[in-house]
């Protein structure tokens, strides 16, 4: 069973892997808060975040 961490926004206890917690530097969000951020257009961009935008094709 994954450990419980507090959502960085609302404080609700959520299950996340320790690896995910460390990748996001302790800034994990519950699905409700993540949906709110995405709807507002302020999606977080972490190193391996769930809501990272798709990479844009570069020149050449």
C-alpha atoms as a PDB file:
ATOM      1  CA  UNK A   1       0.000   0.000   0.000  1.00  0.00           C
ATOM      2  CA  UNK A   2       1.463   3.395  -0.984  1.00  0.00           C
ATOM      3  CA  UNK A   3       2.077   5.928   1.776  1.00  0.00           C
ATOM      4  CA  UNK A   4      -0.313   8.806   2.465  1.00  0.00           C
ATOM      5  CA  UNK A   5       0.768  12.382   1.804  1.00  0.00           C
ATOM      6  CA  UNK A   6      -1.078  15.660   2.278  1.00  0.00           C
ATOM      7  CA  UNK A   7      -2.234  17.504  -0.855  1.00  0.00           C
ATOM      8  CA  UNK A   8      -0.179  20.683  -1.185  1.00  0.00           C
ATOM      9  CA  UNK A   9      -3.288  22.715  -1.920  1.00  0.00           C
ATOM     10  CA  UNK A  10      -6.156  21.484   0.254  1.00  0.00           C
ATOM     11  CA  UNK A  11      -4.414  19.150   2.713  1.00  0.00           C
ATOM     12  CA  UNK A  12      -6.509  16.048   2.036  1.00  0.00           C
ATOM     13  CA  UNK A  13      -4.609  12.775   2.541  1.00  0.00           C
ATOM     14  CA  UNK A  14      -3.797  11.070  -0.786  1.00  0.00           C
ATOM     15  CA  UNK A  15      -1.928   7.918  -1.754  1.00  0.00           C
ATOM     16  CA  UNK A  16       1.180   8.565  -3.815  1.00  0.00           C
ATOM     17  CA  UNK A  17       4.360   6.611  -4.268  1.00  0.00           C
ATOM     18  CA  UNK A  18       7.438   7.866  -2.481  1.00  0.00           C
ATOM     19  CA  UNK A  19       9.115   8.161  -5.887  1.00  0.00           C
ATOM     20  CA  UNK A  20       6.352  10.472  -7.137  1.00  0.00           C
ATOM     21  CA  UNK A  21       6.545  12.508  -3.929  1.00  0.00           C
ATOM     22  CA  UNK A  22      10.291  12.976  -4.343  1.00  0.00           C
ATOM     23  CA  UNK A  23      10.016  13.806  -8.058  1.00  0.00           C
ATOM     24  CA  UNK A  24       7.540  16.577  -7.272  1.00  0.00           C
ATOM     25  CA  UNK A  25       9.688  17.743  -4.342  1.00  0.00           C
ATOM     26  CA  UNK A  26       6.826  17.220  -1.920  1.00  0.00           C
ATOM     27  CA  UNK A  27       4.338  19.261  -3.942  1.00  0.00           C
ATOM     28  CA  UNK A  28       1.761  16.553  -4.648  1.00  0.00           C
ATOM     29  CA  UNK A  29      -1.837  17.417  -5.515  1.00  0.00           C
ATOM     30  CA  UNK A  30      -5.069  15.475  -5.186  1.00  0.00           C
ATOM     31  CA  UNK A  31      -7.054  14.880  -8.374  1.00  0.00           C
ATOM     32  CA  UNK A  32      -9.584  17.594  -7.504  1.00  0.00           C
ATOM     33  CA  UNK A  33      -6.928  20.292  -7.065  1.00  0.00           C
ATOM     34  CA  UNK A  34      -5.076  19.086 -10.166  1.00  0.00           C
ATOM     35  CA  UNK A  35      -8.300  19.369 -12.204  1.00  0.00           C
ATOM     36  CA  UNK A  36      -8.861  22.897 -10.875  1.00  0.00           C
ATOM     37  CA  UNK A  37      -5.361  23.964 -11.887  1.00  0.00           C
ATOM     38  CA  UNK A  38      -5.701  22.459 -15.350  1.00  0.00           C
ATOM     39  CA  UNK A  39      -9.072  24.173 -15.853  1.00  0.00           C
ATOM     40  CA  UNK A  40      -7.543  27.491 -14.817  1.00  0.00           C
ATOM     41  CA  UNK A  41      -4.618  26.972 -17.209  1.00  0.00           C
ATOM     42  CA  UNK A  42      -2.044  26.991 -14.409  1.00  0.00           C
ATOM     43  CA  UNK A  43      -0.994  23.351 -14.638  1.00  0.00           C
ATOM     44  CA  UNK A  44       2.233  22.639 -12.729  1.00  0.00           C
ATOM     45  CA  UNK A  45       5.212  21.532 -14.755  1.00  0.00           C
ATOM     46  CA  UNK A  46       7.312  19.178 -12.690  1.00  0.00           C
ATOM     47  CA  UNK A  47      10.217  17.026 -13.842  1.00  0.00           C
ATOM     48  CA  UNK A  48       7.961  14.020 -14.384  1.00  0.00           C
ATOM     49  CA  UNK A  49       4.609  15.487 -13.424  1.00  0.00           C
ATOM     50  CA  UNK A  50       1.296  14.044 -14.424  1.00  0.00           C
ATOM     51  CA  UNK A  51       0.263  17.272 -16.073  1.00  0.00           C
ATOM     52  CA  UNK A  52       3.389  18.207 -17.997  1.00  0.00           C
ATOM     53  CA  UNK A  53       2.451  19.594 -21.413  1.00  0.00           C
ATOM     54  CA  UNK A  54       3.387  17.562 -24.475  1.00  0.00           C
ATOM     55  CA  UNK A  55       6.790  18.518 -25.872  1.00  0.00           C
ATOM     56  CA  UNK A  56       6.606  20.904 -28.807  1.00  0.00           C
ATOM     57  CA  UNK A  57       8.472  19.939 -31.979  1.00  0.00           C
ATOM     58  CA  UNK A  58      11.593  22.001 -32.384  1.00  0.00           C
ATOM     59  CA  UNK A  59      13.136  23.393 -35.552  1.00  0.00           C
ATOM     60  CA  UNK A  60      14.936  20.974 -37.794  1.00  0.00           C
END
